[in-house]
């Protein structure tokens, strides 16, 4: 009973010591609260609009006809783009694209209206910057929507002028109508797609590096590790007392970010709230064990933090957000599968925008649970090795002191 009381007291002692460390160490406090909160706030400000609208494009109108002006007005009326500049030649348009002042250039050729009315199918050309994938695709989508609209209107006018009824003319324009039904994110909002994925990715980096730094402070030297074990009534309760404050802080931080996403931005929660909470807890614990294990293995705080940053900073590219994971090569798929953020993000998307059944979200949650158990067991195993090593060293020192005393 006394042993159990000592462990409980040691656990509480280390727990409150970690909270005092947060006050005394500005870097640790910034890593756990200020920096992630500031990054999340900045990302919410950047992507808060949800959609990229009215991106600037240039126009080179070589025809100057009523039809070309109608095309320009239609393009400018689309929600995706706005006509920001009228240029005199292609060279000026290219300079504007290279300078980043416009994302595309629409060129309307000479004799456009004459060729259209003469059924000669003139070619309208649109140049855009394909290096900027998001902006380039947005302006391309806007122009692709505007030009066919104008062309359909002209064709419909020609048919009706020939005495064809409007309904028959409309059917002739689109003999096989296509119904498009976007699922899960019908507004194409970046809040539901990119922002909701960026926040866990940032948190993965913060949690792993913070724990590598915090645990590294206690294991850099055998003396500090012995002090930690004595404070906690043993290394294992000391480790639990050390991890718990950060677990609570990071869960609160993630909960605050989700409160803004679900409350302010209106991200749907169509699945199980408890499944989402369970996945979040397992995700935080797994990231903590990765950081702690790196600190224990390397025994150098700077090296542990550097390696933790290297492992997690590139993880977002392998999560399958910007590029689907099934289209990646074997190395990329394997790297993504080893990162806990990949599986947490899968469960998170399933239980928010997709509203997937619980059985479909069991796989990522079970993988997170396996990660947590395996990494936790490795951390405990390595701690036990260090405890035995320290015990042997202390025994050897006592034997040496006893031998000197006897001599």
Protein backbone atom coordinates (compact mmCIF):
# COMPACT_ATOMS: atom_id res chain seq x y z
CA UNK A 1 0.00 0.00 0.00
CA UNK A 2 2.85 2.32 0.80
CA UNK A 3 4.44 1.57 -2.55
CA UNK A 4 1.22 2.46 -4.37
CA UNK A 5 0.97 5.72 -2.41
CA UNK A 6 4.58 6.55 -3.31
CA UNK A 7 3.88 5.98 -7.00
CA UNK A 8 0.75 8.13 -6.89
CA UNK A 9 2.60 10.89 -5.06
CA UNK A 10 5.53 10.69 -7.48
CA UNK A 11 3.20 10.84 -10.47
CA UNK A 12 1.56 14.00 -9.11
CA UNK A 13 4.95 15.49 -8.27
CA UNK A 14 6.23 15.11 -11.83
CA UNK A 15 2.90 16.28 -13.25
CA UNK A 16 3.00 19.58 -11.34
CA UNK A 17 6.70 19.95 -12.05
CA UNK A 18 5.96 19.86 -15.79
CA UNK A 19 3.38 22.61 -15.38
CA UNK A 20 5.94 24.72 -13.52
CA UNK A 21 8.42 24.08 -16.33
CA UNK A 22 5.95 25.58 -18.78
CA UNK A 23 6.08 28.81 -16.77
CA UNK A 24 9.84 28.86 -16.37
CA UNK A 25 10.84 27.85 -19.90
CA UNK A 26 9.55 30.34 -22.50
CA UNK A 27 10.55 28.10 -25.41
CA UNK A 28 8.59 25.15 -24.06
CA UNK A 29 5.56 27.33 -23.36
CA UNK A 30 5.72 28.80 -26.86
CA UNK A 31 6.01 25.35 -28.47
CA UNK A 32 2.98 24.00 -26.62
CA UNK A 33 0.58 26.95 -26.78
CA UNK A 34 1.59 30.18 -28.51
CA UNK A 35 3.19 28.85 -31.70
CA UNK A 36 0.53 26.24 -32.64
CA UNK A 37 -2.31 28.61 -31.72
CA UNK A 38 -0.77 31.39 -33.82
CA UNK A 39 -0.22 29.07 -36.80
CA UNK A 40 -3.77 27.76 -36.59
CA UNK A 41 -5.17 31.29 -36.37
CA UNK A 42 -3.12 32.34 -39.38
CA UNK A 43 -4.31 29.36 -41.42
CA UNK A 44 -7.92 30.11 -40.51
CA UNK A 45 -7.47 33.70 -41.66
CA UNK A 46 -5.89 32.58 -44.95
CA UNK A 47 -8.47 29.92 -45.79
CA UNK A 48 -11.41 31.48 -43.97
CA UNK A 49 -13.06 32.61 -47.20
CA UNK A 50 -13.51 28.97 -48.14
CA UNK A 51 -13.27 29.59 -51.87
CA UNK A 52 -10.76 31.34 -54.11
CA UNK A 53 -12.86 33.84 -56.08
CA UNK A 54 -12.31 36.71 -58.49
CA UNK A 55 -8.74 35.79 -59.40
CA UNK A 56 -7.31 38.39 -61.83
CA UNK A 57 -6.86 37.58 -65.51
CA UNK A 58 -5.87 39.68 -68.51
CA UNK A 59 -7.61 40.04 -71.87
CA UNK A 60 -6.14 40.63 -75.31
CA UNK A 61 -9.10 41.60 -77.52
CA UNK A 62 -7.93 41.70 -81.14
CA UNK A 63 -11.47 41.78 -82.54
CA UNK A 64 -13.16 44.62 -80.65
CA UNK A 65 -16.61 43.41 -81.74
CA UNK A 66 -19.84 43.15 -79.80
CA UNK A 67 -19.29 39.38 -79.49
CA UNK A 68 -15.80 39.76 -78.06
CA UNK A 69 -17.07 42.31 -75.54
CA UNK A 70 -19.86 39.92 -74.57
CA UNK A 71 -17.31 37.17 -73.96
CA UNK A 72 -15.25 39.50 -71.79
CA UNK A 73 -18.34 40.51 -69.78
CA UNK A 74 -19.33 36.85 -69.33
CA UNK A 75 -15.84 35.88 -68.15
CA UNK A 76 -15.80 38.82 -65.74
CA UNK A 77 -19.21 37.81 -64.37
CA UNK A 78 -18.05 34.33 -63.34
CA UNK A 79 -17.35 33.93 -59.61
CA UNK A 80 -13.92 32.43 -60.23
CA UNK A 81 -12.19 35.20 -62.21
CA UNK A 82 -12.30 38.93 -62.88
CA UNK A 83 -10.92 40.78 -65.85
CA UNK A 84 -8.22 42.91 -64.25
CA UNK A 85 -6.22 44.14 -67.26
CA UNK A 86 -6.66 44.73 -70.97
CA UNK A 87 -3.31 44.30 -72.70
CA UNK A 88 -2.04 45.52 -76.06
CA UNK A 89 -0.08 42.43 -77.12
CA UNK A 90 1.02 38.96 -76.03
CA UNK A 91 4.35 40.22 -74.71
CA UNK A 92 2.62 42.47 -72.18
CA UNK A 93 0.34 39.63 -71.13
CA UNK A 94 3.30 37.32 -70.61
CA UNK A 95 5.05 39.91 -68.43
CA UNK A 96 1.94 40.26 -66.28
CA UNK A 97 1.69 36.48 -65.80
CA UNK A 98 5.38 36.16 -64.95
CA UNK A 99 5.10 39.06 -62.49
CA UNK A 100 2.15 37.37 -60.76
CA UNK A 101 -0.24 40.26 -61.45
CA UNK A 102 -2.63 38.03 -63.40
CA UNK A 103 -3.07 34.26 -63.43
CA UNK A 104 -4.09 33.93 -67.05
CA UNK A 105 -4.53 35.72 -70.38
CA UNK A 106 -7.56 35.35 -72.64
CA UNK A 107 -6.83 36.11 -76.31
CA UNK A 108 -9.76 36.82 -78.64
CA UNK A 109 -8.57 36.66 -82.28
CA UNK A 110 -9.28 39.07 -85.10
CA UNK A 111 -12.52 38.61 -87.06
CA UNK A 112 -13.97 36.56 -84.21
CA UNK A 113 -17.55 37.71 -84.70
CA UNK A 114 -17.38 37.43 -88.51
CA UNK A 115 -16.01 33.88 -88.33
CA UNK A 116 -18.60 32.80 -85.74
CA UNK A 117 -21.49 34.11 -87.84
CA UNK A 118 -19.93 32.48 -90.89
CA UNK A 119 -19.72 29.11 -89.09
CA UNK A 120 -15.93 29.01 -89.46
CA UNK A 121 -15.22 27.98 -85.81
CA UNK A 122 -12.59 30.54 -84.71
CA UNK A 123 -10.24 29.61 -81.88
CA UNK A 124 -10.21 31.48 -78.57
CA UNK A 125 -6.93 30.94 -76.70
CA UNK A 126 -6.41 31.07 -72.95
CA UNK A 127 -2.90 31.10 -71.46
CA UNK A 128 -2.53 30.36 -67.74
CA UNK A 129 0.21 29.67 -65.23
CA UNK A 130 0.13 25.89 -64.67
CA UNK A 131 2.92 26.08 -62.08
CA UNK A 132 0.41 27.53 -59.63
CA UNK A 133 -1.87 24.51 -59.60
CA UNK A 134 -4.70 25.86 -57.47
CA UNK A 135 -4.89 29.34 -58.97
CA UNK A 136 -4.32 28.04 -62.50
CA UNK A 137 -7.06 25.43 -62.22
CA UNK A 138 -9.50 27.97 -60.74
CA UNK A 139 -9.08 30.50 -63.57
CA UNK A 140 -9.17 27.71 -66.15
CA UNK A 141 -12.45 26.47 -64.69
CA UNK A 142 -13.94 29.96 -64.79
CA UNK A 143 -12.99 30.58 -68.44
CA UNK A 144 -14.07 27.06 -69.45
CA UNK A 145 -17.47 27.79 -67.96
CA UNK A 146 -17.87 31.22 -69.58
CA UNK A 147 -16.86 30.52 -73.20
CA UNK A 148 -19.23 27.56 -73.80
CA UNK A 149 -22.03 29.59 -72.24
CA UNK A 150 -21.57 32.33 -74.82
CA UNK A 151 -21.19 29.79 -77.64
CA UNK A 152 -24.36 27.99 -76.59
CA UNK A 153 -26.26 31.27 -76.51
CA UNK A 154 -25.13 32.10 -80.06
CA UNK A 155 -26.04 28.65 -81.36
CA UNK A 156 -29.43 28.81 -79.65
CA UNK A 157 -30.09 32.21 -81.26
CA UNK A 158 -29.20 30.83 -84.70
CA UNK A 159 -31.53 27.83 -84.26
CA UNK A 160 -34.45 29.92 -83.07
CA UNK A 161 -33.89 32.39 -85.93
CA UNK A 162 -34.30 29.46 -88.32
CA UNK A 163 -37.72 28.74 -86.81
CA UNK A 164 -36.72 25.85 -84.57
CA UNK A 165 -38.66 25.87 -81.27
CA UNK A 166 -36.60 26.87 -78.23
CA UNK A 167 -37.13 23.49 -76.49
CA UNK A 168 -35.99 21.57 -79.57
CA UNK A 169 -33.03 23.90 -80.01
CA UNK A 170 -32.03 23.38 -76.38
CA UNK A 171 -32.25 19.61 -76.82
CA UNK A 172 -30.10 19.81 -79.91
CA UNK A 173 -27.42 21.69 -77.98
CA UNK A 174 -27.24 18.99 -75.31
CA UNK A 175 -28.78 15.75 -76.55
CA UNK A 176 -27.47 13.80 -73.52
CA UNK A 177 -27.75 15.99 -70.40
CA UNK A 178 -25.24 15.34 -67.63
CA UNK A 179 -26.24 15.69 -64.00
CA UNK A 180 -23.22 16.49 -61.80
CA UNK A 181 -23.61 15.85 -58.06
CA UNK A 182 -20.49 16.66 -56.01
CA UNK A 183 -20.42 14.64 -52.80
CA UNK A 184 -19.19 15.48 -49.27
CA UNK A 185 -17.90 18.98 -50.14
CA UNK A 186 -20.39 20.38 -52.65
CA UNK A 187 -19.26 23.98 -52.16
CA UNK A 188 -15.62 23.00 -52.86
CA UNK A 189 -14.71 24.90 -49.70
CA UNK A 190 -11.06 24.89 -48.69
CA UNK A 191 -12.18 24.99 -45.05
CA UNK A 192 -13.64 21.48 -45.27
CA UNK A 193 -10.86 20.12 -47.43
CA UNK A 194 -7.52 21.83 -46.82
CA UNK A 195 -7.85 23.71 -43.54
CA UNK A 196 -9.32 20.70 -41.72
CA UNK A 197 -6.29 18.69 -42.88
CA UNK A 198 -3.63 21.32 -42.22
CA UNK A 199 -4.48 21.70 -38.54
CA UNK A 200 -3.74 18.03 -37.62
CA UNK A 201 -0.60 18.16 -39.78
CA UNK A 202 0.66 21.20 -37.86
CA UNK A 203 -0.29 19.60 -34.56
CA UNK A 204 1.62 16.43 -35.47
CA UNK A 205 4.80 18.47 -35.90
CA UNK A 206 4.23 20.45 -32.71
CA UNK A 207 3.40 17.45 -30.49
CA UNK A 208 6.33 15.34 -31.69
CA UNK A 209 8.94 18.10 -31.45
CA UNK A 210 7.63 19.34 -28.09
CA UNK A 211 7.86 15.91 -26.49
CA UNK A 212 11.29 15.31 -28.02
CA UNK A 213 12.41 18.57 -26.43
CA UNK A 214 10.72 18.04 -23.06
CA UNK A 215 11.77 14.40 -22.61
CA UNK A 216 15.23 15.21 -23.95
CA UNK A 217 15.74 17.68 -21.11
CA UNK A 218 15.37 14.82 -18.62
CA UNK A 219 17.33 12.09 -20.40
CA UNK A 220 20.34 13.95 -21.78
CA UNK A 221 22.42 12.79 -18.80
CA UNK A 222 22.08 9.78 -16.46
CA UNK A 223 21.93 12.20 -13.50
CA UNK A 224 18.79 13.92 -14.82
CA UNK A 225 17.18 10.58 -15.56
CA UNK A 226 17.91 9.37 -12.02
CA UNK A 227 16.39 12.57 -10.61
CA UNK A 228 13.27 12.07 -12.74
CA UNK A 229 12.91 8.48 -11.53
CA UNK A 230 13.31 9.47 -7.88
CA UNK A 231 10.80 12.28 -8.21
CA UNK A 232 8.21 10.02 -9.78
CA UNK A 233 8.72 7.02 -7.54
CA UNK A 234 10.07 5.16 -10.57
CA UNK A 235 10.66 5.92 -14.24
CA UNK A 236 7.31 4.65 -15.47
CA UNK A 237 5.03 6.74 -13.23
CA UNK A 238 7.42 9.63 -13.86
CA UNK A 239 6.95 9.20 -17.63
CA UNK A 240 3.17 9.13 -17.23
CA UNK A 241 3.26 12.27 -15.09
CA UNK A 242 5.48 13.94 -17.65
CA UNK A 243 3.29 13.14 -20.65
CA UNK A 244 -0.12 13.88 -19.16
CA UNK A 245 0.10 17.72 -19.02
CA UNK A 246 1.03 17.87 -22.70
CA UNK A 247 -1.71 15.39 -23.60
CA UNK A 248 -4.29 17.62 -21.95
CA UNK A 249 -2.88 20.81 -23.49
CA UNK A 250 -2.78 19.44 -27.03
CA UNK A 251 -6.26 17.94 -26.77
CA UNK A 252 -7.55 21.32 -25.60
CA UNK A 253 -5.76 23.00 -28.49
CA UNK A 254 -7.25 20.57 -31.01
CA UNK A 255 -10.66 20.94 -29.37
CA UNK A 256 -10.45 24.73 -29.63
CA UNK A 257 -9.55 24.53 -33.32
CA UNK A 258 -12.42 22.11 -33.95
CA UNK A 259 -14.82 24.37 -32.06
CA UNK A 260 -13.95 27.15 -34.50
CA UNK A 261 -14.21 24.83 -37.52
CA UNK A 262 -17.55 23.33 -36.52
CA UNK A 263 -19.03 26.43 -34.92
CA UNK A 264 -17.73 29.42 -36.88
CA UNK A 265 -17.00 27.88 -40.29
CA UNK A 266 -19.85 25.38 -40.19
CA UNK A 267 -17.88 22.23 -41.00
CA UNK A 268 -20.36 19.32 -40.80
CA UNK A 269 -20.09 16.62 -38.15
CA UNK A 270 -22.04 13.84 -39.81
CA UNK A 271 -20.48 10.89 -37.99
CA UNK A 272 -19.77 9.84 -34.43
CA UNK A 273 -18.45 12.49 -32.06
CA UNK A 274 -16.99 9.85 -29.75
CA UNK A 275 -15.14 8.11 -32.58
CA UNK A 276 -13.60 11.46 -33.49
CA UNK A 277 -12.55 12.07 -29.86
CA UNK A 278 -11.07 8.56 -29.56
CA UNK A 279 -9.08 9.04 -32.76
CA UNK A 280 -7.82 12.41 -31.48
CA UNK A 281 -6.63 10.93 -28.16
CA UNK A 282 -4.83 8.06 -29.91
CA UNK A 283 -3.29 10.49 -32.39
CA UNK A 284 -1.92 12.76 -29.65
CA UNK A 285 -0.58 9.81 -27.65
CA UNK A 286 1.13 8.30 -30.71
CA UNK A 287 2.83 11.60 -31.58
CA UNK A 288 3.95 11.95 -27.97
CA UNK A 289 5.46 8.47 -27.90
CA UNK A 290 7.33 9.19 -31.16
CA UNK A 291 8.88 12.30 -29.64
CA UNK A 292 9.67 10.58 -26.35
CA UNK A 293 11.21 7.58 -28.08
CA UNK A 294 13.42 9.79 -30.24
CA UNK A 295 14.65 11.59 -27.13
CA UNK A 296 15.39 8.29 -25.38
CA UNK A 297 17.20 6.81 -28.36
CA UNK A 298 19.30 9.85 -29.25
CA UNK A 299 19.88 11.22 -25.71
CA UNK A 300 20.51 14.62 -27.25
CA UNK A 301 17.74 17.20 -27.21
CA UNK A 302 18.85 19.09 -30.32
CA UNK A 303 19.22 15.90 -32.36
CA UNK A 304 15.86 14.55 -31.18
CA UNK A 305 14.04 17.78 -32.06
CA UNK A 306 15.77 17.96 -35.45
CA UNK A 307 14.90 14.38 -36.35
CA UNK A 308 11.32 14.82 -35.10
CA UNK A 309 10.96 17.87 -37.34
CA UNK A 310 12.44 16.02 -40.30
CA UNK A 311 10.07 13.09 -39.87
CA UNK A 312 6.87 15.09 -39.42
CA UNK A 313 7.37 18.26 -41.46
CA UNK A 314 7.18 16.39 -44.77
CA UNK A 315 4.31 14.15 -43.66
CA UNK A 316 1.55 16.38 -45.06
CA UNK A 317 2.64 15.64 -48.61
CA UNK A 318 2.06 11.91 -48.03
CA UNK A 319 -1.34 12.16 -46.32
CA UNK A 320 -3.27 12.03 -49.58
CA UNK A 321 -4.78 15.53 -49.44
CA UNK A 322 -3.15 17.33 -52.36
CA UNK A 323 -2.39 14.08 -54.21
CA UNK A 324 -4.28 10.77 -53.77
CA UNK A 325 -2.31 8.11 -51.91
CA UNK A 326 -3.28 5.30 -54.29
CA UNK A 327 -1.54 7.24 -57.07
CA UNK A 328 1.75 7.48 -55.16
CA UNK A 329 4.68 5.09 -55.50
CA UNK A 330 5.39 2.39 -52.92
CA UNK A 331 7.82 4.52 -50.90
CA UNK A 332 5.38 7.42 -50.61
CA UNK A 333 2.53 5.14 -49.63
CA UNK A 334 4.70 3.44 -47.01
CA UNK A 335 5.95 6.74 -45.61
CA UNK A 336 2.40 8.04 -45.34
CA UNK A 337 1.22 4.84 -43.68
CA UNK A 338 3.87 5.19 -40.97
CA UNK A 339 2.67 8.67 -39.99
CA UNK A 340 -0.15 8.79 -37.40
CA UNK A 341 -1.53 11.96 -38.99
CA UNK A 342 -2.50 10.00 -42.12
CA UNK A 343 -4.81 7.69 -40.19
CA UNK A 344 -6.18 10.39 -37.93
CA UNK A 345 -7.00 12.48 -40.98
CA UNK A 346 -8.73 9.48 -42.60
CA UNK A 347 -10.91 8.94 -39.53
CA UNK A 348 -11.49 12.69 -39.22
CA UNK A 349 -12.73 13.09 -42.80
CA UNK A 350 -14.86 9.93 -42.49
CA UNK A 351 -16.62 11.22 -39.38
CA UNK A 352 -17.09 14.82 -40.53
CA UNK A 353 -17.78 15.62 -44.18
CA UNK A 354 -18.31 12.04 -45.39
CA UNK A 355 -20.49 10.78 -42.57
CA UNK A 356 -19.15 7.26 -43.10
CA UNK A 357 -20.50 4.33 -41.04
CA UNK A 358 -18.54 3.48 -37.91
CA UNK A 359 -17.29 0.16 -39.28
CA UNK A 360 -15.48 1.97 -42.10
CA UNK A 361 -13.67 4.20 -39.60
CA UNK A 362 -12.58 1.30 -37.41
CA UNK A 363 -9.52 0.58 -39.55
CA UNK A 364 -7.74 3.95 -39.11
CA UNK A 365 -8.68 4.07 -35.42
CA UNK A 366 -7.37 0.53 -34.84
CA UNK A 367 -4.15 1.41 -36.66
CA UNK A 368 -3.74 4.44 -34.39
CA UNK A 369 -4.37 2.20 -31.36
CA UNK A 370 -1.70 -0.25 -32.58
CA UNK A 371 0.72 2.64 -33.13
CA UNK A 372 0.09 3.91 -29.61
CA UNK A 373 0.50 0.46 -28.03
CA UNK A 374 3.64 -0.47 -29.98
CA UNK A 375 5.38 2.88 -29.53
CA UNK A 376 4.34 3.01 -25.88
CA UNK A 377 5.71 -0.49 -25.33
CA UNK A 378 8.98 0.45 -27.04
CA UNK A 379 9.26 3.54 -24.86
CA UNK A 380 8.65 1.51 -21.70
CA UNK A 381 11.07 -1.19 -22.87
CA UNK A 382 13.82 1.32 -23.53
CA UNK A 383 13.12 3.06 -20.23
CA UNK A 384 13.48 -0.29 -18.48
CA UNK A 385 16.84 -0.85 -20.18
CA UNK A 386 17.99 2.57 -19.04
CA UNK A 387 16.72 1.89 -15.52
CA UNK A 388 18.69 -1.35 -15.34
CA UNK A 389 21.77 0.35 -16.71
CA UNK A 390 21.51 3.10 -14.13
CA UNK A 391 20.95 0.50 -11.40
CA UNK A 392 24.08 -1.39 -12.49
CA UNK A 393 26.08 1.84 -12.55
CA UNK A 394 24.88 2.79 -9.07
CA UNK A 395 25.64 -0.73 -7.81
CA UNK A 396 29.12 -0.56 -9.27
CA UNK A 397 29.68 2.85 -7.66
CA UNK A 398 28.49 1.60 -4.27
CA UNK A 399 30.74 -1.44 -4.58
CA UNK A 400 33.66 0.76 -5.48
CA UNK A 401 32.98 3.06 -2.53
CA UNK A 402 32.60 0.08 -0.20
CA UNK A 403 35.87 -1.36 -1.50
CA UNK A 404 37.70 1.89 -0.90
CA UNK A 405 36.23 2.12 2.58
CA UNK A 406 37.31 -1.41 3.38
CA UNK A 407 40.78 -0.66 2.10
